Protein backbone atom coordinates (compact mmCIF):
# COMPACT_ATOMS: atom_id res chain seq x y z
CA UNK A 1 25.86 -9.88 1.48
CA UNK A 2 23.86 -7.69 -0.88
CA UNK A 3 22.24 -4.57 0.56
CA UNK A 4 18.73 -4.05 -0.66
CA UNK A 5 17.66 -0.53 -1.40
CA UNK A 6 14.06 0.55 -1.38
CA UNK A 7 12.95 2.36 -4.51
CA UNK A 8 11.69 5.87 -3.96
CA UNK A 9 7.92 6.00 -3.84
CA UNK A 10 7.73 8.66 -6.50
CA UNK A 11 9.92 9.79 -9.29
CA UNK A 12 10.74 6.48 -10.93
CA UNK A 13 8.62 4.35 -13.22
CA UNK A 14 9.01 1.27 -10.98
CA UNK A 15 8.03 3.13 -7.81
CA UNK A 16 5.13 4.90 -9.53
CA UNK A 17 3.93 1.54 -10.89
CA UNK A 18 4.03 -0.03 -7.42
CA UNK A 19 2.18 2.96 -5.95
CA UNK A 20 -0.48 2.58 -8.64
CA UNK A 21 -0.79 -1.16 -7.98
CA UNK A 22 -1.12 -0.67 -4.22
CA UNK A 23 -3.70 2.08 -4.82
CA UNK A 24 -5.69 -0.29 -7.06
CA UNK A 25 -5.68 -2.96 -4.35
CA UNK A 26 -6.76 -0.43 -1.70
CA UNK A 27 -9.51 0.81 -4.00
CA UNK A 28 -10.70 -2.72 -4.74
CA UNK A 29 -10.62 -4.00 -1.14
CA UNK A 30 -12.30 -0.90 0.29
CA UNK A 31 -14.82 -0.77 -2.57
CA UNK A 32 -13.88 2.80 -3.44
CA UNK A 33 -15.09 4.28 -6.75
CA UNK A 34 -12.68 3.86 -9.66
CA UNK A 35 -12.55 7.63 -10.15
CA UNK A 36 -11.55 8.29 -6.52
CA UNK A 37 -8.39 10.40 -6.59
CA UNK A 38 -5.67 8.94 -4.42
CA UNK A 39 -2.42 10.72 -3.67
CA UNK A 40 0.63 9.20 -1.94
CA UNK A 41 -0.26 11.34 1.08
CA UNK A 42 -3.88 10.14 1.16
CA UNK A 43 -4.68 8.86 4.64
CA UNK A 44 -6.46 5.54 4.48
CA UNK A 45 -8.99 6.27 7.22
CA UNK A 46 -9.33 10.05 7.35
CA UNK A 47 -9.08 10.92 3.64
CA UNK A 48 -10.38 7.77 1.97
CA UNK A 49 -12.99 6.93 4.58
CA UNK A 50 -11.87 3.34 5.07
CA UNK A 51 -13.39 1.93 8.25
CA UNK A 52 -11.65 -0.57 10.53
CA UNK A 53 -13.30 -3.62 8.98
CA UNK A 54 -12.42 -2.54 5.44
CA UNK A 55 -8.89 -1.72 6.61
CA UNK A 56 -8.44 -5.37 7.60
CA UNK A 57 -9.62 -6.31 4.11
CA UNK A 58 -7.18 -3.85 2.55
CA UNK A 59 -4.25 -5.33 4.45
CA UNK A 60 -5.25 -8.88 3.53
CA UNK A 61 -5.70 -7.93 -0.12
CA UNK A 62 -2.28 -6.25 -0.24
CA UNK A 63 -0.66 -9.26 1.45
CA UNK A 64 -2.21 -11.65 -1.07
CA UNK A 65 -1.50 -9.50 -4.12
CA UNK A 66 2.16 -8.80 -3.35
CA UNK A 67 3.11 -11.91 -1.39
CA UNK A 68 4.23 -9.95 1.66
CA UNK A 69 3.27 -10.31 5.30
CA UNK A 70 2.01 -7.25 7.13
CA UNK A 71 2.70 -7.60 10.83
CA UNK A 72 -0.32 -6.79 13.01
CA UNK A 73 1.79 -4.36 15.05
CA UNK A 74 2.73 -2.45 11.88
CA UNK A 75 -0.83 -1.87 10.64
CA UNK A 76 -1.32 1.14 12.93
CA UNK A 77 1.75 2.79 11.37
CA UNK A 78 0.53 2.33 7.80
CA UNK A 79 -1.73 5.36 7.77
CA UNK A 80 -1.11 6.66 4.24
CA UNK A 81 -0.97 5.16 0.78
CA UNK A 82 2.72 6.09 0.63
CA UNK A 83 3.50 4.39 3.96
CA UNK A 84 1.75 1.22 2.82
CA UNK A 85 3.55 1.27 -0.53
CA UNK A 86 6.94 1.80 1.13
CA UNK A 87 6.21 -1.07 3.50
CA UNK A 88 5.36 -3.35 0.58
CA UNK A 89 8.42 -2.23 -1.41
CA UNK A 90 10.72 -3.08 1.49
CA UNK A 91 9.30 -6.58 1.73
CA UNK A 92 8.91 -7.60 -1.89
CA UNK A 93 10.78 -10.78 -2.75
CA UNK A 94 13.96 -10.08 -4.64
CA UNK A 95 14.07 -11.27 -8.22
């Protein structure tokens, strides 16, 4: 059985690329301005101003874009861009 390791969310080109892709999907789904600065520690609701309805859209957009399922019970734990990116990274299909 092969153990799957999760790439670090910063410090590698692959992880930085995934973070950027997730940020783009968040920005698109929440209709945030393209010049909005987003850090890994940016909180989706408090810092980015995403309301509960847009948050549902963000989660659906991320699920569709990356082909992962976000469990309803996990949504409340995905409070930052980094947490969402880590969650996606752990669930990406292996290639």
